[in-house]
Structures are given as structure tokens and as C-alpha cells.
């Protein structure tokens, strides 16, 4: 029976990792190192010391002072987070449901105590909403060691088999599993394939995927359902669990158009002089990947922009689902994907996936995949 829910903070309850990376980048720029948030992505979820020290080492910074970085972070982080609602979808609801169902809750974060408590306030909850709060100040070994989850279990007085851990990083998944808990991974930081390889028992987009529940047995049924397959969205021949896009759709389209236009600039088209740029939006991660056409003196070896963008996305994520495709050309009206590209798109897209055709002169046309390719071929054994 489920007696306790153990939550990581950053990337599970709170969308605080972008703020941490922004403040971290500010600090390194103050030292004269021109970097951005991407420098920290591999060091999330393992505590502030790893967050700063490992990043500093990767940047080649000598004589790095963690104490100075921590002091800067301690001062600047509350200023940046103040007044923001950083609660991730479903975060408050699942805590409230647990309270009504008589299930204990705990926060188990590798971050420092002051930051965890700052984030609890910023998501609209109070410390009293949790039975236990364990932080990086309470353990000597951070995730992926099991120490912080074992500490929570001891303080709650429950066995690991009666607890569910909610995590979003590989280190966190390994930590929860090592403590004997079942682990549900969110796709706010890593994708479902990575979570599965790390040992997650179930994968969800975010906590809003867990509907309200009124008893431990009802939650058990929900978690059991997510532990199997068949809860994703069909994208062509694949099943993907899409993440909830936080940005307005119009903003996402504008971003994708910019990416496609930048790719258009880099197109290699010495023979036809017809340049094409493309951008695909990954359903699982919300990331936008560029592609451009690359011609060859042997025309059959030419790669279209659309397929270039798709293969770039697959190289980064593995199997993908396409929520949006933008194609940019200098044709008027804007050129659609060729038949071969449409078939490739259909392998990874829904019939209603939006395809935006735009020209560098500002002409824009919107279609769905089914309008451009009504009857794609899907291999019989892969049909859903």
C-alpha cells in the first residue's frame, strides 16, 4: 500500500532549474567567462556544489571558489524568484490529493535548505504541507546516492516498498531506486527513454498527468496504469508521451520560424540555387531542431531540409513525435515538402500535426499533415 509520496523539488514540483541556471550563468559571466544556461544542463539534480564546481571545471576555471559562488547564489536567487509562480503543472494538486487521501508527503532535494524553502513558498505551498523536508544540508552524499531518500523514509517511518518517488533526473531515479522505492519519472528534464534506462518504473509528462485521488488504493491503480504502455499519443508509427507546452502556440510558431530562417541561411544549394530551411518541434521535450537542404553533384544524394531537421532531432533524442514543422523557402507561394519528405514526416507525426510553409518575403500558409499527405504508408505491424 502506498503510504508516502517523496518529491524531488527542482523539475518536479518547481520550475526552478531555469532560474538556477540563469543565476549561475550570471555568476560565471561576472568572472569573465561568457557562458549561458546550457553549461549547467549536465549538472542538474546532484546538489549546488556539483552544480557550480563541475561546471567551473568544464569551463576550465582555475582557483574556483565554491563559497563565493554559493554566497552570490544565496543573495541573487531570492531576488530572481520573487513574485514568480514557479509551480509545475499538477504540483499543488497532487500534494492536496495526498493530504485528503491520508498519504504522507516529503520533499527530498539535493539543494540547500534555504533554496528548498524558498521554492516551497514560490509554488504556493507552505512547509507545513509536507511531513518531512530533507535537503542537501541533511546528508553528506548527494544523489545518485540513496542517502536522502533513506533519510525521508526513516523520518516518515515507512518502508521503501510503501513509497513512491517522483524524480526528473537520472541521478534522482537511481537514488530513489537504491532506497527501495518505486520511481515515477517526469519528462521535464529527461525523456522517457533515458528515464527507462535509468530504472524508472513509470514515466509521465508532469504531475498533472496524475488525476485527483481520494485513497491510497486509487493512487495505486493510477500508478500501475502508468507503469505499462499505451498511455502516450500516437505519432505515426510511434507512441510518445508529449509534454505540456508552457508557451503560447503563436510564440512557439514564431520561434520555429526563426530557427527555420536561420537554417535557410546555411543551406547548401550550389546547383539549384533553391535554399530551404526547416524546423521541427519535438512533442516529448519542446525542443526545436533545425535542418537545411544539402545538395550534391550526384542529385540523388541530396538531403532535403525537412529530413535533415528530423534526423537531427532523432540524433539528439531518439524516437520523436513531431508537433510542428516549419519550412522556409524563397518561393512564392512557399514550397511544400516533397513527397519523400512527407512520407518521412508521417513516420513521426500525427495526421493533425501542423505544417507551416513560409517564405523569406513573409508569405505564410498553414496545413495539417493529412491535408498534404492524406494516405501515408505505415508498416502493417506498426499500425495502432
Protein backbone atom coordinates (compact mmCIF):
# COMPACT_ATOMS: atom_id res chain seq x y z
CA UNK A 1 0.00 0.00 0.00
CA UNK A 2 1.20 3.50 -0.78
CA UNK A 3 1.86 5.32 2.46
CA UNK A 4 4.14 8.14 1.31
CA UNK A 5 4.98 10.28 -1.71
CA UNK A 6 8.54 11.61 -1.92
CA UNK A 7 9.13 14.55 -4.25
CA UNK A 8 12.29 15.97 -5.67
CA UNK A 9 11.94 19.75 -5.88
CA UNK A 10 13.60 21.21 -9.00
CA UNK A 11 11.94 19.95 -12.16
CA UNK A 12 9.24 18.04 -10.25
CA UNK A 13 7.37 20.47 -8.02
CA UNK A 14 9.07 23.68 -9.10
CA UNK A 15 10.24 25.03 -12.42
CA UNK A 16 13.28 26.45 -10.66
CA UNK A 17 16.09 24.92 -12.70
CA UNK A 18 15.94 27.67 -15.37
CA UNK A 19 16.29 30.26 -12.59
CA UNK A 20 19.25 28.40 -11.07
CA UNK A 21 20.97 28.18 -14.45
CA UNK A 22 20.29 31.85 -15.18
CA UNK A 23 21.80 32.94 -11.85
CA UNK A 24 24.72 30.52 -12.31
CA UNK A 25 25.45 31.92 -15.76
CA UNK A 26 25.31 35.44 -14.31
CA UNK A 27 27.94 34.48 -11.76
CA UNK A 28 30.35 32.97 -14.28
CA UNK A 29 29.93 35.99 -16.54
CA UNK A 30 30.88 38.16 -13.57
CA UNK A 31 34.16 36.20 -13.51
CA UNK A 32 34.72 36.96 -17.17
CA UNK A 33 33.52 33.65 -18.63
CA UNK A 34 30.97 34.14 -21.37
CA UNK A 35 28.54 31.26 -20.91
CA UNK A 36 24.82 30.58 -20.84
CA UNK A 37 22.40 28.23 -19.10
CA UNK A 38 23.34 25.26 -21.29
CA UNK A 39 26.66 24.94 -19.45
CA UNK A 40 24.80 23.60 -16.39
CA UNK A 41 22.46 21.07 -18.01
CA UNK A 42 24.62 18.04 -17.24
CA UNK A 43 24.99 19.01 -13.57
CA UNK A 44 21.37 19.26 -12.50
CA UNK A 45 19.89 17.27 -9.64
CA UNK A 46 23.10 16.47 -7.75
CA UNK A 47 23.33 19.47 -5.42
CA UNK A 48 24.70 23.00 -5.55
CA UNK A 49 28.34 22.01 -5.13
CA UNK A 50 28.23 19.78 -8.21
CA UNK A 51 26.16 22.42 -9.99
CA UNK A 52 28.91 25.01 -9.60
CA UNK A 53 32.16 23.10 -9.19
CA UNK A 54 31.69 20.63 -12.03
CA UNK A 55 30.58 23.42 -14.36
CA UNK A 56 33.60 25.50 -13.38
CA UNK A 57 35.87 22.56 -14.11
CA UNK A 58 34.26 22.04 -17.52
CA UNK A 59 34.78 25.73 -18.29
CA UNK A 60 38.45 25.44 -17.34
CA UNK A 61 38.22 27.89 -14.45
CA UNK A 62 41.21 27.71 -12.13
CA UNK A 63 41.17 28.67 -8.44
CA UNK A 64 37.38 28.46 -8.37
CA UNK A 65 35.79 29.37 -5.04
CA UNK A 66 32.59 27.47 -4.32
CA UNK A 67 32.00 29.60 -1.22
CA UNK A 68 31.99 32.79 -3.32
CA UNK A 69 29.64 31.21 -5.84
CA UNK A 70 27.32 29.97 -3.09
CA UNK A 71 27.21 33.43 -1.50
CA UNK A 72 26.33 35.05 -4.82
CA UNK A 73 23.67 32.41 -5.44
CA UNK A 74 22.22 32.83 -1.93
CA UNK A 75 21.81 36.56 -2.47
CA UNK A 76 20.67 36.61 -6.09
CA UNK A 77 18.31 33.61 -6.31
CA UNK A 78 15.59 35.02 -3.99
CA UNK A 79 15.67 38.29 -5.95
CA UNK A 80 15.07 36.50 -9.25
CA UNK A 81 12.40 34.10 -7.96
CA UNK A 82 10.47 36.73 -6.00
CA UNK A 83 6.95 37.24 -7.29
CA UNK A 84 7.10 34.36 -9.76
CA UNK A 85 4.78 31.39 -9.81
CA UNK A 86 7.20 28.55 -10.46
CA UNK A 87 4.84 25.67 -9.65
CA UNK A 88 4.99 22.98 -12.31
CA UNK A 89 1.64 21.64 -13.60
CA UNK A 90 -0.07 19.39 -11.07
CA UNK A 91 2.39 20.10 -8.24
CA UNK A 92 -0.04 21.67 -5.81
CA UNK A 93 -2.92 19.37 -6.77
CA UNK A 94 -1.05 16.12 -6.05
CA UNK A 95 0.06 17.35 -2.63
CA UNK A 96 -3.51 18.35 -1.79
CA UNK A 97 -4.84 14.99 -3.01
CA UNK A 98 -2.28 13.16 -0.87
CA UNK A 99 -3.38 15.12 2.19
CA UNK A 100 -7.03 14.20 1.61
CA UNK A 101 -6.12 10.55 0.99
CA UNK A 102 -4.11 10.30 4.21
CA UNK A 103 -0.83 9.75 2.36
CA UNK A 104 2.29 11.34 3.87
CA UNK A 105 4.46 13.60 1.73
CA UNK A 106 8.12 14.59 1.78
CA UNK A 107 10.48 16.80 -0.18
CA UNK A 108 13.85 15.21 -0.92
CA UNK A 109 16.05 17.74 -2.67
CA UNK A 110 19.81 17.88 -3.05
CA UNK A 111 19.58 21.67 -2.98
CA UNK A 112 20.44 23.66 0.11
CA UNK A 113 17.79 24.16 2.77
CA UNK A 114 17.25 27.88 2.15
CA UNK A 115 16.63 27.30 -1.55
CA UNK A 116 14.20 24.42 -0.98
CA UNK A 117 12.16 26.52 1.44
CA UNK A 118 12.26 29.49 -0.94
CA UNK A 119 10.88 27.25 -3.69
CA UNK A 120 8.14 25.79 -1.49
CA UNK A 121 6.83 29.31 -0.94
CA UNK A 122 7.17 30.16 -4.63
CA UNK A 123 4.98 27.22 -5.71
CA UNK A 124 2.19 28.34 -3.40
CA UNK A 125 2.64 25.80 -0.62
CA UNK A 126 3.97 26.02 2.93
CA UNK A 127 6.46 23.89 4.81
CA UNK A 128 3.63 22.52 6.93
CA UNK A 129 2.13 20.93 3.81
CA UNK A 130 4.89 18.31 3.96
CA UNK A 131 5.51 15.78 6.71
CA UNK A 132 9.27 15.79 6.06
CA UNK A 133 11.63 18.17 4.27
CA UNK A 134 15.10 16.78 3.60
CA UNK A 135 17.73 18.84 1.81
CA UNK A 136 21.36 18.76 0.80
CA UNK A 137 22.22 20.16 4.23
CA UNK A 138 20.98 16.94 5.83
CA UNK A 139 23.15 14.39 4.02
CA UNK A 140 26.82 14.05 3.17
CA UNK A 141 26.29 12.24 -0.12
CA UNK A 142 24.03 13.72 -2.79
CA UNK A 143 22.06 11.83 -5.42
CA UNK A 144 22.64 9.32 -7.02
CA UNK A 145 23.45 8.01 -3.51
CA UNK A 146 20.34 6.80 -1.71
CA UNK A 147 21.01 8.75 1.49
CA UNK A 148 18.39 11.50 1.15
CA UNK A 149 15.55 9.10 0.32
CA UNK A 150 16.56 6.73 3.11
CA UNK A 151 16.52 9.70 5.49
CA UNK A 152 12.99 10.59 4.39
CA UNK A 153 11.82 7.00 4.87
CA UNK A 154 13.32 6.87 8.36
CA UNK A 155 11.72 10.16 9.38
CA UNK A 156 8.35 9.10 7.95
CA UNK A 157 8.60 5.64 9.48
CA UNK A 158 7.77 3.78 6.26
CA UNK A 159 9.45 1.12 4.17
CA UNK A 160 10.66 1.90 0.67
CA UNK A 161 8.16 -0.55 -0.81
CA UNK A 162 5.36 1.67 0.53
CA UNK A 163 6.68 4.88 -1.00
CA UNK A 164 6.58 6.45 -4.47
CA UNK A 165 9.40 8.76 -5.54
CA UNK A 166 8.82 11.44 -8.16
CA UNK A 167 12.01 12.43 -9.96
CA UNK A 168 13.20 14.10 -13.16
CA UNK A 169 16.91 13.25 -13.45
CA UNK A 170 18.95 10.10 -13.89
CA UNK A 171 20.75 10.72 -10.59
CA UNK A 172 17.42 11.10 -8.80
CA UNK A 173 15.95 7.96 -10.33
CA UNK A 174 18.98 5.93 -9.27
CA UNK A 175 18.79 7.40 -5.77
CA UNK A 176 15.13 6.53 -5.31
CA UNK A 177 15.57 3.03 -6.69
CA UNK A 178 18.57 2.41 -4.43
CA UNK A 179 16.41 3.30 -1.42
CA UNK A 180 13.96 0.56 -2.40
CA UNK A 181 11.21 2.87 -3.70
CA UNK A 182 9.24 2.79 -6.90
CA UNK A 183 10.15 5.78 -9.05
CA UNK A 184 7.92 7.77 -11.37
CA UNK A 185 9.98 9.92 -13.74
CA UNK A 186 8.77 13.22 -15.14
CA UNK A 187 9.87 14.30 -18.60
CA UNK A 188 10.61 17.86 -17.53
CA UNK A 189 14.37 17.27 -17.73
CA UNK A 190 14.99 13.91 -19.42
CA UNK A 191 12.98 11.95 -21.98
CA UNK A 192 11.12 8.70 -21.42
CA UNK A 193 13.80 6.51 -23.00
CA UNK A 194 16.51 7.88 -20.70
CA UNK A 195 14.23 7.51 -17.69
CA UNK A 196 13.50 3.90 -18.57
CA UNK A 197 17.18 3.09 -19.00
CA UNK A 198 17.87 4.64 -15.57
CA UNK A 199 15.32 2.32 -13.97
CA UNK A 200 12.14 4.39 -13.67
CA UNK A 201 9.07 2.26 -13.01
CA UNK A 202 6.77 4.68 -14.82
CA UNK A 203 7.10 7.82 -16.95
CA UNK A 204 4.73 10.79 -17.10
CA UNK A 205 4.92 14.19 -18.75
CA UNK A 206 4.50 16.07 -15.45
CA UNK A 207 2.45 15.79 -12.25
CA UNK A 208 -0.71 16.99 -13.99
CA UNK A 209 -0.82 13.52 -15.60
CA UNK A 210 -1.84 12.18 -12.15
CA UNK A 211 -5.58 12.87 -11.71
CA UNK A 212 -7.00 13.67 -8.30
CA UNK A 213 -7.36 10.67 -5.97
CA UNK A 214 -9.04 10.09 -2.63
CA UNK A 215 -7.37 6.93 -1.34
CA UNK A 216 -4.07 5.03 -1.46
CA UNK A 217 -5.78 2.29 -3.46
CA UNK A 218 -6.96 4.74 -6.11
CA UNK A 219 -3.47 6.18 -6.47
CA UNK A 220 -2.05 2.65 -6.68
CA UNK A 221 -4.33 1.96 -9.61
CA UNK A 222 -3.24 5.18 -11.33
CA UNK A 223 0.48 4.45 -10.86
CA UNK A 224 0.00 0.86 -12.05
CA UNK A 225 -1.65 2.13 -15.22
CA UNK A 226 1.30 4.38 -15.97
CA UNK A 227 3.74 1.54 -15.40
CA UNK A 228 2.57 -0.11 -18.61
CA UNK A 229 2.45 1.02 -22.21
CA UNK A 230 -0.39 2.62 -24.10
CA UNK A 231 -0.58 5.97 -22.31
CA UNK A 232 1.21 8.05 -24.91
CA UNK A 233 -0.03 9.78 -28.06
CA UNK A 234 0.39 8.08 -31.41
CA UNK A 235 2.74 9.95 -33.72
CA UNK A 236 2.86 7.99 -36.98
CA UNK A 237 4.41 4.62 -36.17
CA UNK A 238 5.41 5.63 -32.64
CA UNK A 239 3.89 6.33 -29.25
CA UNK A 240 5.17 9.43 -27.49
CA UNK A 241 4.26 10.98 -24.15
CA UNK A 242 4.02 14.67 -25.03
CA UNK A 243 4.99 17.33 -22.57
CA UNK A 244 2.70 20.25 -21.82
CA UNK A 245 3.91 23.31 -23.73
CA UNK A 246 4.03 26.33 -21.43
CA UNK A 247 4.48 28.96 -24.13
CA UNK A 248 1.57 30.28 -26.25
CA UNK A 249 1.26 28.43 -29.54
CA UNK A 250 1.82 31.64 -31.51
CA UNK A 251 5.11 32.21 -29.66
CA UNK A 252 6.26 28.65 -30.43
CA UNK A 253 5.49 29.13 -34.13
CA UNK A 254 7.49 32.37 -34.22
CA UNK A 255 10.45 30.64 -32.56
CA UNK A 256 10.28 27.78 -35.05
CA UNK A 257 10.08 30.23 -37.96
CA UNK A 258 13.23 31.96 -36.72
CA UNK A 259 15.03 28.63 -36.44
CA UNK A 260 13.94 27.64 -39.96
CA UNK A 261 15.00 31.01 -41.37
CA UNK A 262 18.44 30.74 -39.76
CA UNK A 263 18.80 27.24 -41.21
CA UNK A 264 17.76 28.61 -44.62
CA UNK A 265 20.73 30.96 -44.49
CA UNK A 266 23.09 27.97 -44.17
CA UNK A 267 21.54 25.82 -46.91
CA UNK A 268 23.97 24.31 -49.41
CA UNK A 269 22.34 24.71 -52.83
CA UNK A 270 25.07 25.48 -55.41
CA UNK A 271 23.27 23.65 -58.24
CA UNK A 272 19.63 24.68 -57.96
CA UNK A 273 20.21 27.92 -56.01
CA UNK A 274 16.97 26.98 -54.21
CA UNK A 275 17.59 27.18 -50.48
CA UNK A 276 15.27 25.63 -47.93
CA UNK A 277 15.31 25.74 -44.13
CA UNK A 278 13.18 23.71 -41.75
CA UNK A 279 12.45 23.35 -38.05
CA UNK A 280 10.69 20.54 -36.16
CA UNK A 281 9.18 20.78 -32.67
CA UNK A 282 9.68 17.67 -30.52
CA UNK A 283 6.48 16.66 -28.72
CA UNK A 284 8.36 14.99 -25.87
CA UNK A 285 10.75 17.80 -24.97
CA UNK A 286 9.52 21.01 -26.62
CA UNK A 287 12.88 21.45 -28.29
CA UNK A 288 13.13 22.86 -31.80
CA UNK A 289 15.61 21.32 -34.22
CA UNK A 290 16.87 22.95 -37.46
CA UNK A 291 17.61 21.48 -40.86
CA UNK A 292 18.56 22.78 -44.30
CA UNK A 293 18.84 21.25 -47.76
CA UNK A 294 22.28 19.91 -48.68
CA UNK A 295 22.72 19.33 -52.40
CA UNK A 296 25.22 17.02 -54.10
CA UNK A 297 26.65 16.88 -57.60
CA UNK A 298 25.00 13.46 -57.71
CA UNK A 299 21.47 14.75 -57.28
CA UNK A 300 20.19 11.53 -55.72
CA UNK A 301 22.44 12.15 -52.72
CA UNK A 302 20.77 15.48 -51.95
CA UNK A 303 19.21 15.79 -48.48
CA UNK A 304 16.06 17.86 -48.05
CA UNK A 305 15.74 20.35 -45.21
CA UNK A 306 12.77 18.58 -43.65
CA UNK A 307 14.54 15.21 -43.39
CA UNK A 308 17.69 16.96 -42.18
CA UNK A 309 15.74 18.52 -39.28
CA UNK A 310 14.07 15.21 -38.41
CA UNK A 311 17.35 13.26 -38.36
CA UNK A 312 18.92 15.99 -36.22
CA UNK A 313 16.08 15.61 -33.71
CA UNK A 314 16.39 11.83 -33.69
CA UNK A 315 20.16 12.04 -33.18
CA UNK A 316 19.52 14.19 -30.09
CA UNK A 317 16.51 12.39 -28.58
CA UNK A 318 15.96 9.01 -30.19
CA UNK A 319 12.42 8.30 -31.37
CA UNK A 320 10.49 11.55 -31.70
CA UNK A 321 6.98 12.87 -32.20
CA UNK A 322 6.58 15.98 -34.34
CA UNK A 323 4.13 18.57 -33.01
CA UNK A 324 5.04 21.26 -35.56
CA UNK A 325 7.06 21.54 -38.76
CA UNK A 326 8.06 24.84 -40.34
CA UNK A 327 9.50 25.02 -43.87
CA UNK A 328 11.14 28.24 -45.06
CA UNK A 329 11.98 28.95 -48.71
CA UNK A 330 12.28 31.91 -51.08
CA UNK A 331 9.44 30.61 -53.24
CA UNK A 332 6.08 32.38 -53.55
CA UNK A 333 3.79 30.70 -52.65
CA UNK A 334 6.03 28.92 -50.13
CA UNK A 335 7.22 25.48 -51.23
CA UNK A 336 5.71 22.40 -49.53
CA UNK A 337 7.76 19.32 -48.57
CA UNK A 338 8.41 16.86 -51.37
CA UNK A 339 6.60 13.52 -51.42
CA UNK A 340 9.55 11.64 -49.92
CA UNK A 341 9.78 14.14 -47.05
CA UNK A 342 6.05 13.92 -46.41
CA UNK A 343 6.33 10.15 -46.02
CA UNK A 344 9.25 10.56 -43.59
CA UNK A 345 7.27 13.19 -41.66
CA UNK A 346 4.33 10.79 -41.44
CA UNK A 347 6.52 8.24 -39.63
CA UNK A 348 6.83 10.66 -36.69
CA UNK A 349 3.75 12.89 -36.87
CA UNK A 350 0.00 12.87 -36.27
CA UNK A 351 -2.48 13.50 -39.09
CA UNK A 352 -3.25 16.87 -37.47
CA UNK A 353 0.40 17.87 -36.98
CA UNK A 354 0.68 21.48 -38.13
CA UNK A 355 2.93 22.26 -41.09
CA UNK A 356 3.71 25.93 -41.65
CA UNK A 357 5.09 26.98 -45.02
CA UNK A 358 6.67 30.42 -45.08
CA UNK A 359 8.75 32.47 -47.47
CA UNK A 360 11.52 34.88 -46.66
CA UNK A 361 9.24 37.60 -48.03
CA UNK A 362 6.72 36.99 -45.27
CA UNK A 363 4.12 34.86 -47.07
CA UNK A 364 2.76 32.15 -44.77
CA UNK A 365 0.44 29.18 -45.25
CA UNK A 366 -0.77 26.62 -42.70
CA UNK A 367 -1.66 22.99 -43.34
CA UNK A 368 -2.07 19.76 -41.44
CA UNK A 369 -0.10 16.68 -42.46
CA UNK A 370 -3.30 14.94 -43.58
CA UNK A 371 -4.04 17.80 -45.96
CA UNK A 372 -0.64 17.42 -47.64
CA UNK A 373 -0.49 13.60 -47.39
CA UNK A 374 -3.94 12.06 -46.87
CA UNK A 375 -2.85 8.42 -47.01
CA UNK A 376 0.69 7.81 -45.73
CA UNK A 377 2.12 4.31 -45.70
CA UNK A 378 2.54 2.83 -42.22
CA UNK A 379 4.08 -0.63 -41.99
CA UNK A 380 1.29 -3.06 -41.02
CA UNK A 381 2.95 -4.36 -37.84
CA UNK A 382 3.43 -0.79 -36.60
CA UNK A 383 -0.19 0.34 -37.03
CA UNK A 384 -2.00 1.32 -33.83
